[in-house]
């Protein structure tokens, strides 16, 4: 096949520099961003301490079920692109674009949300730093030039960090994760041991007037958003300096640690003061108020450390995943080949800076408008989760089958992959079916519709260029040395 003008003749590849502890930190730090520290009062209002804790634990367990499929596919397809590559291998080009476009939405949105959370932290702790030069209001939120500057500076700083290669970003991610874990442990132990925090503060377990099952389901439904980040691991698989078989264990450890942090911050917030009264007062940041009341500036300092580390690891981790996904889709020519260029540091620098450019628009719209994206993000990542589990289901064959590679015969793994796919469909149902306790609000539906429309336009525009690439060349571009794997031969056509 003749290469198009401007398209590199060789398949660009990323360097294998990522160590296991860095990959674990990418998964954990991406799953724990601003939400674990800013949203406990909202979770308590929806489900109470018992309902929210159960919902988070059940959601984490369901994510572990989905992670089984990720572990299996990373072992067989250790290439950048993750869900895009899996969907391509088993369902073809159109399905791959759907999965990839959904994930681009999720990853870029979460980068923007983490940057806005950093501005919110300064607005709560050091108002003079950000509350200068009022600009406009969006959905009742006053936007200041100061918070735009803070959020934009964070976006540019972590874009620069990622553009300098995986080794530096991996080391920073691991160090920040350790600091975050230490701060969370200190806050949980301190609040529970304080003489002014009786366990009666945790009562009742559920909000009045809310059925326990509905309360739990409302929290379970946001699990794809709450734990999104473990799926960053397959995006970085091409850069592992270790066996891809270890990826599954790293993902499970990250999900368990993330669930522990979510529940710890929820319980620390609830026990710091009687939670029903705290929810009724509608404070701007209930967690900060409780810790400040109990411990003064030291409590706020611990929270600030945890939030800064959580937001920083979220920014860093999702820059990793967003840039690798854009790189993989550019390498496959479904996005412009501009994204498929690797810089001198071995990083997809153009993809990193493109993600940064998209995110720099977000601080102009204020915090409230950005929150509309949260539910929409859950839809995007759930679509990708479901494709991954369906791909793993097709990969594995029943133990009694006499077809295919003997190493892919496993009834147990096929069943787990099927259950993971059903879990993904359950999450989609909770978000999309009218009458569900967790259905999308009108602003989220509008935002989702706009993103889908943009995806259709982009797909149609790139279709002529994509059709010039035959199936064999496309498999080489997406899967590299794994392109000749037998089960992809017919499925990707």
Protein backbone atom coordinates (compact mmCIF):
# COMPACT_ATOMS: atom_id res chain seq x y z
CA UNK A 1 0.00 0.00 0.00
CA UNK A 2 1.26 3.48 -0.84
CA UNK A 3 1.54 5.77 2.14
CA UNK A 4 -0.37 9.05 2.06
CA UNK A 5 1.55 12.30 1.95
CA UNK A 6 2.52 13.40 5.41
CA UNK A 7 2.02 9.95 6.93
CA UNK A 8 5.10 8.33 8.48
CA UNK A 9 6.22 5.23 6.59
CA UNK A 10 7.19 3.46 9.79
CA UNK A 11 4.90 2.58 12.66
CA UNK A 12 5.84 4.87 15.56
CA UNK A 13 6.34 3.06 18.89
CA UNK A 14 6.81 4.15 22.50
CA UNK A 15 9.76 3.26 24.72
CA UNK A 16 9.44 0.56 27.38
CA UNK A 17 10.27 2.55 30.51
CA UNK A 18 7.36 2.10 32.97
CA UNK A 19 8.00 0.07 36.14
CA UNK A 20 5.26 -1.89 37.97
CA UNK A 21 4.98 0.53 40.91
CA UNK A 22 4.61 3.47 38.51
CA UNK A 23 1.83 1.70 36.62
CA UNK A 24 0.02 0.94 39.91
CA UNK A 25 0.35 4.60 40.82
CA UNK A 26 -1.07 5.66 37.44
CA UNK A 27 -4.15 3.48 38.05
CA UNK A 28 -4.66 4.56 41.68
CA UNK A 29 -3.84 8.24 41.19
CA UNK A 30 -6.17 8.44 38.20
CA UNK A 31 -9.05 6.84 40.11
CA UNK A 32 -8.61 9.23 43.06
CA UNK A 33 -8.92 12.82 41.98
CA UNK A 34 -10.91 15.72 43.38
CA UNK A 35 -14.08 13.66 43.93
CA UNK A 36 -12.85 11.65 46.91
CA UNK A 37 -12.16 14.86 48.87
CA UNK A 38 -14.76 17.33 47.57
CA UNK A 39 -17.86 15.15 47.13
CA UNK A 40 -18.33 13.25 50.46
CA UNK A 41 -21.11 15.61 51.57
CA UNK A 42 -22.95 15.09 48.28
CA UNK A 43 -22.64 11.32 48.61
CA UNK A 44 -23.90 11.52 52.20
CA UNK A 45 -26.88 13.61 51.07
CA UNK A 46 -27.77 11.00 48.45
CA UNK A 47 -27.22 7.79 50.38
CA UNK A 48 -26.01 8.39 53.96
CA UNK A 49 -22.80 6.93 55.41
CA UNK A 50 -23.92 3.29 55.23
CA UNK A 51 -25.58 3.54 51.83
CA UNK A 52 -22.69 5.47 50.28
CA UNK A 53 -20.08 3.12 51.76
CA UNK A 54 -21.94 0.04 50.52
CA UNK A 55 -22.40 1.62 47.10
CA UNK A 56 -18.70 2.44 46.82
CA UNK A 57 -17.62 -1.03 47.92
CA UNK A 58 -20.10 -2.79 45.61
CA UNK A 59 -19.08 -0.48 42.77
CA UNK A 60 -15.43 -1.30 43.42
CA UNK A 61 -16.18 -5.03 43.40
CA UNK A 62 -17.98 -4.69 40.07
CA UNK A 63 -14.99 -2.78 38.71
CA UNK A 64 -12.77 -5.70 39.78
CA UNK A 65 -15.05 -7.98 37.77
CA UNK A 66 -14.59 -5.77 34.73
CA UNK A 67 -10.85 -5.60 35.44
CA UNK A 68 -10.59 -9.36 34.82
CA UNK A 69 -11.20 -8.72 31.12
CA UNK A 70 -8.66 -5.90 31.10
CA UNK A 71 -6.01 -8.14 32.61
CA UNK A 72 -6.62 -10.86 30.03
CA UNK A 73 -6.54 -8.52 27.05
CA UNK A 74 -3.47 -6.58 28.20
CA UNK A 75 -1.61 -9.90 28.31
CA UNK A 76 -2.48 -10.62 24.68
CA UNK A 77 -2.43 -7.07 23.27
CA UNK A 78 0.18 -4.97 25.12
CA UNK A 79 -0.15 -1.96 22.82
CA UNK A 80 -1.17 1.67 23.25
CA UNK A 81 -4.83 2.34 22.62
CA UNK A 82 -6.26 -0.18 25.06
CA UNK A 83 -10.01 -0.39 24.49
CA UNK A 84 -9.63 0.99 20.96
CA UNK A 85 -7.30 -1.88 20.03
CA UNK A 86 -9.52 -4.49 21.70
CA UNK A 87 -12.69 -3.30 19.96
CA UNK A 88 -10.85 -3.19 16.62
CA UNK A 89 -9.50 -6.72 17.04
CA UNK A 90 -12.88 -8.33 17.66
CA UNK A 91 -15.53 -5.98 16.27
CA UNK A 92 -13.91 -3.96 13.49
CA UNK A 93 -13.11 -0.36 12.71
CA UNK A 94 -16.45 1.34 13.38
CA UNK A 95 -16.86 -0.20 16.83
CA UNK A 96 -13.25 0.69 17.61
CA UNK A 97 -13.91 4.33 16.77
CA UNK A 98 -17.00 4.36 19.01
CA UNK A 99 -15.02 2.93 21.94
CA UNK A 100 -12.07 5.28 21.34
CA UNK A 101 -14.21 8.41 20.89
CA UNK A 102 -16.15 7.61 24.09
CA UNK A 103 -12.88 7.30 26.00
CA UNK A 104 -11.40 10.51 24.60
CA UNK A 105 -14.46 12.26 26.01
CA UNK A 106 -13.98 10.67 29.42
CA UNK A 107 -10.25 11.26 29.68
CA UNK A 108 -10.20 14.88 28.52
CA UNK A 109 -13.20 15.77 30.71
CA UNK A 110 -11.54 14.37 33.82
CA UNK A 111 -8.32 16.29 33.14
CA UNK A 112 -10.38 19.48 33.01
CA UNK A 113 -12.35 18.59 36.15
CA UNK A 114 -9.18 17.94 38.13
CA UNK A 115 -7.72 21.28 37.11
CA UNK A 116 -10.91 23.06 38.18
CA UNK A 117 -10.79 21.24 41.52
CA UNK A 118 -7.35 22.70 42.18
CA UNK A 119 -8.79 26.19 41.66
CA UNK A 120 -11.64 25.27 44.03
CA UNK A 121 -9.10 24.27 46.69
CA UNK A 122 -7.43 27.67 46.51
CA UNK A 123 -10.83 29.35 46.52
CA UNK A 124 -11.63 27.61 49.83
CA UNK A 125 -8.24 27.84 51.55
CA UNK A 126 -6.64 30.97 50.07
CA UNK A 127 -9.41 33.08 48.46
CA UNK A 128 -7.13 36.06 47.65
CA UNK A 129 -5.06 33.79 45.36
CA UNK A 130 -7.95 33.18 42.95
CA UNK A 131 -10.77 35.64 43.67
CA UNK A 132 -9.53 38.58 41.63
CA UNK A 133 -10.89 40.14 38.41
CA UNK A 134 -14.42 38.73 38.22
CA UNK A 135 -15.26 37.73 34.64
CA UNK A 136 -18.80 36.33 34.30
CA UNK A 137 -21.28 33.87 35.81
CA UNK A 138 -22.07 30.43 34.41
CA UNK A 139 -24.98 28.50 35.98
CA UNK A 140 -24.77 30.74 39.03
CA UNK A 141 -21.01 30.27 39.48
CA UNK A 142 -18.87 33.42 39.47
CA UNK A 143 -15.81 32.87 37.30
CA UNK A 144 -12.68 34.78 38.32
CA UNK A 145 -9.61 35.40 36.20
CA UNK A 146 -7.53 34.15 39.14
CA UNK A 147 -9.04 30.67 39.13
CA UNK A 148 -8.72 30.51 35.34
CA UNK A 149 -5.00 31.28 35.73
CA UNK A 150 -4.52 28.65 38.48
CA UNK A 151 -6.33 25.90 36.56
CA UNK A 152 -4.55 26.78 33.31
CA UNK A 153 -1.15 26.79 35.01
CA UNK A 154 -1.81 23.29 36.38
CA UNK A 155 -2.86 22.04 32.96
CA UNK A 156 0.27 23.44 31.30
CA UNK A 157 2.60 22.18 34.04
CA UNK A 158 1.44 18.56 33.77
CA UNK A 159 1.35 18.73 30.00
CA UNK A 160 5.01 19.74 30.08
CA UNK A 161 5.76 16.94 32.54
CA UNK A 162 4.15 14.33 30.27
CA UNK A 163 5.76 15.70 27.14
CA UNK A 164 9.15 14.98 28.74
CA UNK A 165 8.54 11.23 28.78
CA UNK A 166 7.07 8.36 30.78
CA UNK A 167 9.97 7.95 33.21
CA UNK A 168 9.62 11.38 34.79
CA UNK A 169 5.81 11.27 34.95
CA UNK A 170 5.93 7.75 36.44
CA UNK A 171 8.31 8.74 39.22
CA UNK A 172 6.28 11.84 40.09
CA UNK A 173 3.05 9.80 40.08
CA UNK A 174 4.39 7.22 42.53
CA UNK A 175 5.73 9.80 44.97
CA UNK A 176 2.47 11.76 44.93
CA UNK A 177 0.41 8.61 45.53
CA UNK A 178 2.42 7.72 48.62
CA UNK A 179 1.94 11.24 50.00
CA UNK A 180 -1.81 11.07 49.32
CA UNK A 181 -2.18 7.72 51.09
CA UNK A 182 -0.30 9.02 54.14
CA UNK A 183 -2.50 12.15 54.36
CA UNK A 184 -5.74 10.14 54.07
CA UNK A 185 -4.62 7.68 56.75
CA UNK A 186 -3.81 10.54 59.11
CA UNK A 187 -7.20 12.19 58.57
CA UNK A 188 -9.16 8.98 59.12
CA UNK A 189 -7.29 7.97 62.28
CA UNK A 190 -7.38 11.50 63.71
CA UNK A 191 -11.12 11.99 63.22
CA UNK A 192 -12.04 8.62 64.70
CA UNK A 193 -9.79 9.06 67.75
CA UNK A 194 -10.87 12.64 68.48
CA UNK A 195 -12.95 12.92 71.72
CA UNK A 196 -15.58 15.10 69.99
CA UNK A 197 -16.47 12.53 67.31
CA UNK A 198 -18.85 9.93 68.79
CA UNK A 199 -19.97 7.09 66.53
CA UNK A 200 -23.51 8.38 66.91
CA UNK A 201 -22.52 11.04 64.36
CA UNK A 202 -22.77 8.28 61.75
CA UNK A 203 -26.48 7.71 62.43
CA UNK A 204 -28.78 7.21 60.62
CA UNK A 205 -27.16 4.98 58.01
CA UNK A 206 -29.47 6.21 55.23
CA UNK A 207 -31.16 9.57 54.55
CA UNK A 208 -34.73 9.92 55.70
CA UNK A 209 -37.28 9.26 52.98
CA UNK A 210 -34.84 7.38 50.73
CA UNK A 211 -35.20 3.62 50.28
CA UNK A 212 -31.94 1.83 51.18
CA UNK A 213 -31.82 -0.04 47.85
CA UNK A 214 -32.29 3.18 45.84
CA UNK A 215 -29.65 4.92 47.96
CA UNK A 216 -27.08 2.21 47.30
CA UNK A 217 -27.90 2.03 43.58
CA UNK A 218 -27.43 5.77 43.15
CA UNK A 219 -23.84 5.39 44.37
CA UNK A 220 -23.18 2.16 42.46
CA UNK A 221 -24.24 3.94 39.26
CA UNK A 222 -21.39 6.46 39.53
CA UNK A 223 -18.76 3.73 40.02
CA UNK A 224 -17.59 3.96 36.37
CA UNK A 225 -16.82 7.63 37.01
CA UNK A 226 -15.53 7.16 40.59
CA UNK A 227 -13.07 4.42 39.62
CA UNK A 228 -12.22 5.50 36.10
CA UNK A 229 -8.44 5.39 35.99
CA UNK A 230 -7.66 1.71 36.39
CA UNK A 231 -8.38 1.50 32.67
CA UNK A 232 -5.42 3.82 32.09
CA UNK A 233 -3.18 0.77 32.53
CA UNK A 234 -3.86 -0.71 29.05
CA UNK A 235 -3.22 2.71 27.49
CA UNK A 236 0.34 2.50 28.83
CA UNK A 237 0.84 -1.23 28.11
CA UNK A 238 3.19 -0.59 25.19
CA UNK A 239 5.59 1.09 27.65
CA UNK A 240 5.78 -1.67 30.28
CA UNK A 241 9.32 -2.74 31.14
CA UNK A 242 7.85 -5.88 32.75
CA UNK A 243 5.62 -8.79 31.75
CA UNK A 244 2.07 -7.72 30.78
CA UNK A 245 0.82 -10.66 32.84
CA UNK A 246 1.44 -8.58 36.00
CA UNK A 247 -1.00 -5.89 34.91
CA UNK A 248 -4.10 -7.57 36.33
CA UNK A 249 -2.69 -7.73 39.86
CA UNK A 250 -1.67 -4.06 39.67
CA UNK A 251 -5.17 -3.07 38.56
CA UNK A 252 -6.86 -4.98 41.40
CA UNK A 253 -4.52 -3.45 43.99
CA UNK A 254 -5.29 0.01 42.63
CA UNK A 255 -9.09 -0.52 42.75
CA UNK A 256 -8.94 -1.84 46.32
CA UNK A 257 -6.80 1.10 47.44
CA UNK A 258 -9.13 3.55 45.65
CA UNK A 259 -12.21 2.07 47.35
CA UNK A 260 -10.43 2.37 50.70
CA UNK A 261 -9.67 6.06 50.11
CA UNK A 262 -13.24 6.86 49.04
CA UNK A 263 -14.75 5.15 52.08
CA UNK A 264 -12.14 6.62 54.43
CA UNK A 265 -12.88 10.20 53.37
CA UNK A 266 -16.62 9.55 53.46
CA UNK A 267 -16.48 8.22 57.02
CA UNK A 268 -14.07 10.93 58.18
CA UNK A 269 -16.51 13.57 56.91
CA UNK A 270 -19.54 11.88 58.45
CA UNK A 271 -18.00 11.30 61.89
CA UNK A 272 -16.51 14.81 62.18
CA UNK A 273 -19.99 16.23 62.86
CA UNK A 274 -23.58 14.91 62.79
CA UNK A 275 -23.92 14.36 59.09
CA UNK A 276 -27.68 15.07 58.65
CA UNK A 277 -27.17 18.58 60.08
CA UNK A 278 -24.08 19.11 57.97
CA UNK A 279 -26.00 18.15 54.80
CA UNK A 280 -28.95 20.35 55.76
CA UNK A 281 -26.64 23.36 56.21
CA UNK A 282 -25.40 22.92 52.61
CA UNK A 283 -21.82 24.07 53.26
CA UNK A 284 -19.55 24.88 50.35
CA UNK A 285 -17.17 22.12 51.45
CA UNK A 286 -18.36 19.99 54.35
CA UNK A 287 -15.19 17.91 54.62
CA UNK A 288 -13.02 21.01 55.02
CA UNK A 289 -15.40 22.55 57.58
CA UNK A 290 -15.39 19.40 59.72
CA UNK A 291 -11.63 19.01 59.73
CA UNK A 292 -11.08 22.69 60.46
CA UNK A 293 -13.51 22.54 63.39
CA UNK A 294 -11.74 19.53 64.91
CA UNK A 295 -8.08 20.30 64.19
CA UNK A 296 -7.85 23.90 63.04
CA UNK A 297 -5.21 24.77 60.39
CA UNK A 298 -3.54 21.36 60.76
CA UNK A 299 -6.71 19.62 59.58
CA UNK A 300 -6.97 21.90 56.58
CA UNK A 301 -3.31 21.38 55.78
CA UNK A 302 -3.72 17.58 55.76
CA UNK A 303 -6.75 17.90 53.51
CA UNK A 304 -4.91 20.32 51.24
CA UNK A 305 -2.00 17.86 50.86
CA UNK A 306 -4.40 15.03 50.03
CA UNK A 307 -6.37 17.11 47.51
CA UNK A 308 -3.28 18.53 45.79
CA UNK A 309 -1.77 15.04 45.52
CA UNK A 310 -5.07 13.53 44.34
CA UNK A 311 -5.66 16.23 41.75
CA UNK A 312 -2.05 16.10 40.57
CA UNK A 313 -2.07 12.32 40.15
CA UNK A 314 -5.39 12.60 38.32
CA UNK A 315 -4.04 15.24 35.97
CA UNK A 316 -0.86 13.29 35.33
CA UNK A 317 -2.56 9.89 34.93
CA UNK A 318 -5.21 11.08 32.50
CA UNK A 319 -2.68 12.99 30.45
CA UNK A 320 -0.90 9.64 30.09
CA UNK A 321 -4.07 7.84 28.98
CA UNK A 322 -5.52 10.61 26.79
CA UNK A 323 -2.27 11.15 24.92
CA UNK A 324 -1.68 7.41 24.37
CA UNK A 325 -5.22 6.93 23.09
CA UNK A 326 -4.94 9.89 20.70
CA UNK A 327 -1.52 8.56 19.64
CA UNK A 328 -2.93 5.08 18.92
CA UNK A 329 -5.91 6.44 16.96
CA UNK A 330 -3.60 8.73 15.00
CA UNK A 331 -1.29 5.79 14.29
CA UNK A 332 -4.33 3.91 12.93
CA UNK A 333 -5.22 6.97 10.76
CA UNK A 334 -8.76 7.27 12.19
CA UNK A 335 -7.50 10.57 13.58
CA UNK A 336 -5.02 12.76 11.67
CA UNK A 337 -1.49 11.24 11.61
CA UNK A 338 -0.36 14.43 13.33
CA UNK A 339 -1.07 12.62 16.64
CA UNK A 340 1.17 9.64 15.80
CA UNK A 341 4.47 11.48 16.18
CA UNK A 342 6.84 10.56 19.04
CA UNK A 343 9.14 13.32 20.26
CA UNK A 344 12.79 13.09 21.27
CA UNK A 345 11.84 12.15 24.87
CA UNK A 346 9.94 9.10 23.59
CA UNK A 347 6.51 10.60 24.38
CA UNK A 348 3.55 11.39 22.09
CA UNK A 349 4.15 15.09 22.61
CA UNK A 350 1.69 16.37 20.02
CA UNK A 351 -1.13 14.32 21.55
CA UNK A 352 -0.24 15.64 25.01
CA UNK A 353 -0.39 19.27 23.91
CA UNK A 354 -3.59 18.74 21.95
CA UNK A 355 -5.28 17.34 25.08
CA UNK A 356 -3.98 20.34 27.01
CA UNK A 357 -5.37 22.75 24.41
CA UNK A 358 -8.84 21.19 24.69
CA UNK A 359 -8.75 21.35 28.48
CA UNK A 360 -7.65 24.99 28.58
CA UNK A 361 -11.13 25.95 27.36
CA UNK A 362 -12.79 24.39 30.40
CA UNK A 363 -11.75 26.84 33.19
CA UNK A 364 -13.62 29.63 31.36
CA UNK A 365 -16.97 27.92 32.02
CA UNK A 366 -16.84 27.65 35.81
CA UNK A 367 -17.29 24.81 38.23
CA UNK A 368 -21.05 24.24 37.94
CA UNK A 369 -21.03 23.87 34.17
CA UNK A 370 -18.18 21.37 34.37
CA UNK A 371 -20.14 19.19 36.80
CA UNK A 372 -22.63 18.51 34.01
CA UNK A 373 -19.86 16.53 32.34
CA UNK A 374 -19.51 14.03 35.20
CA UNK A 375 -22.50 11.85 34.32
CA UNK A 376 -21.70 12.11 30.62
CA UNK A 377 -18.19 10.89 31.41
CA UNK A 378 -19.67 7.84 33.16
CA UNK A 379 -21.47 6.94 29.93
CA UNK A 380 -18.29 7.26 27.87
CA UNK A 381 -16.11 5.09 30.05
CA UNK A 382 -18.88 2.50 30.54
CA UNK A 383 -19.18 2.08 26.78
CA UNK A 384 -15.45 1.32 26.69
CA UNK A 385 -15.70 -1.07 29.67
CA UNK A 386 -18.45 -3.01 27.93
CA UNK A 387 -16.52 -3.31 24.66
CA UNK A 388 -13.50 -4.61 26.56
CA UNK A 389 -15.50 -7.30 28.35
CA UNK A 390 -17.23 -8.34 25.12
CA UNK A 391 -13.83 -8.57 23.41
CA UNK A 392 -12.50 -10.78 26.22
CA UNK A 393 -15.63 -12.94 25.96
CA UNK A 394 -14.86 -13.50 22.27
CA UNK A 395 -11.19 -14.13 23.00
CA UNK A 396 -11.86 -16.99 25.40
CA UNK A 397 -13.41 -20.26 24.31
CA UNK A 398 -15.20 -22.88 26.35
CA UNK A 399 -12.90 -25.49 27.87
CA UNK A 400 -14.42 -28.26 25.76
CA UNK A 401 -13.94 -26.41 22.47
CA UNK A 402 -11.65 -27.96 19.85
CA UNK A 403 -11.23 -24.64 18.00
CA UNK A 404 -8.62 -21.93 18.32
CA UNK A 405 -5.46 -21.63 20.36
CA UNK A 406 -5.50 -24.07 23.33
CA UNK A 407 -4.14 -21.29 25.57
CA UNK A 408 -7.41 -19.34 25.10
CA UNK A 409 -9.69 -22.14 26.34
CA UNK A 410 -11.08 -21.36 29.77
CA UNK A 411 -14.72 -21.66 30.76
CA UNK A 412 -14.17 -19.72 34.00
CA UNK A 413 -12.56 -16.74 32.29
CA UNK A 414 -15.20 -16.72 29.57
CA UNK A 415 -17.93 -16.61 32.22
CA UNK A 416 -16.18 -13.78 34.10
CA UNK A 417 -15.84 -11.79 30.89
CA UNK A 418 -19.53 -12.30 30.17
CA UNK A 419 -20.44 -11.15 33.66
CA UNK A 420 -18.25 -8.08 33.16
CA UNK A 421 -20.13 -7.22 29.96
CA UNK A 422 -23.45 -7.58 31.77
CA UNK A 423 -22.12 -5.30 34.50
CA UNK A 424 -21.25 -2.67 31.91
CA UNK A 425 -24.77 -2.90 30.47
CA UNK A 426 -26.19 -2.56 33.99
CA UNK A 427 -24.24 0.66 34.51
CA UNK A 428 -25.46 2.01 31.16
CA UNK A 429 -29.03 1.14 32.10
CA UNK A 430 -28.76 2.97 35.40
CA UNK A 431 -27.54 6.07 33.57
CA UNK A 432 -29.76 6.03 30.49
CA UNK A 433 -33.09 4.33 31.29
CA UNK A 434 -35.83 6.83 32.21
CA UNK A 435 -36.98 6.45 35.79
CA UNK A 436 -33.65 5.05 37.00
CA UNK A 437 -32.50 6.61 40.29
CA UNK A 438 -29.27 7.61 38.55
CA UNK A 439 -30.52 8.72 35.13
CA UNK A 440 -28.75 11.60 33.36
CA UNK A 441 -30.02 15.13 33.87
CA UNK A 442 -31.02 17.33 30.95
CA UNK A 443 -27.69 19.27 30.77
CA UNK A 444 -25.76 15.97 30.67
CA UNK A 445 -28.01 14.63 27.89
CA UNK A 446 -27.39 17.77 25.85
CA UNK A 447 -23.62 17.58 26.37
CA UNK A 448 -23.63 13.87 25.47
CA UNK A 449 -25.62 14.57 22.31
CA UNK A 450 -23.17 17.24 21.20
CA UNK A 451 -20.21 14.89 21.72
CA UNK A 452 -21.91 12.07 19.78
CA UNK A 453 -22.67 14.46 16.92
CA UNK A 454 -19.05 15.62 16.84
CA UNK A 455 -17.94 12.00 16.72
CA UNK A 456 -20.21 11.26 13.75
CA UNK A 457 -18.89 14.30 11.88
CA UNK A 458 -15.27 13.37 12.61
CA UNK A 459 -15.81 9.73 11.60
CA UNK A 460 -17.42 10.69 8.27
CA UNK A 461 -14.63 13.19 7.52
CA UNK A 462 -11.91 10.57 8.12
CA UNK A 463 -13.73 7.72 6.36
CA UNK A 464 -12.19 8.26 2.88
CA UNK A 465 -8.65 8.20 4.29
CA UNK A 466 -9.42 5.14 6.42
CA UNK A 467 -10.78 3.20 3.45
CA UNK A 468 -7.45 3.60 1.64
CA UNK A 469 -5.81 1.37 4.26
CA UNK A 470 -6.41 -2.35 3.74
CA UNK A 471 -7.16 -4.73 6.61
CA UNK A 472 -3.67 -6.18 6.88
CA UNK A 473 -2.04 -2.76 7.10
CA UNK A 474 -4.63 -1.55 9.61
CA UNK A 475 -3.92 -4.52 11.88
CA UNK A 476 -0.21 -3.74 11.68
CA UNK A 477 -0.81 -0.09 12.59
CA UNK A 478 -3.08 -0.89 15.54
CA UNK A 479 -1.46 -4.06 16.91
CA UNK A 480 2.14 -3.98 15.68
CA UNK A 481 3.91 -7.30 16.19
CA UNK A 482 0.64 -8.79 17.53
CA UNK A 483 -1.17 -8.20 14.23
CA UNK A 484 -0.86 -11.82 13.13
CA UNK A 485 -2.67 -13.21 16.17
CA UNK A 486 -5.10 -15.78 14.79
CA UNK A 487 -8.32 -14.53 16.42
CA UNK A 488 -7.97 -11.05 14.91
CA UNK A 489 -7.77 -12.24 11.31
CA UNK A 490 -11.49 -12.39 10.62
CA UNK A 491 -12.92 -10.27 13.43
CA UNK A 492 -11.22 -7.02 12.41
CA UNK A 493 -12.51 -7.09 8.85
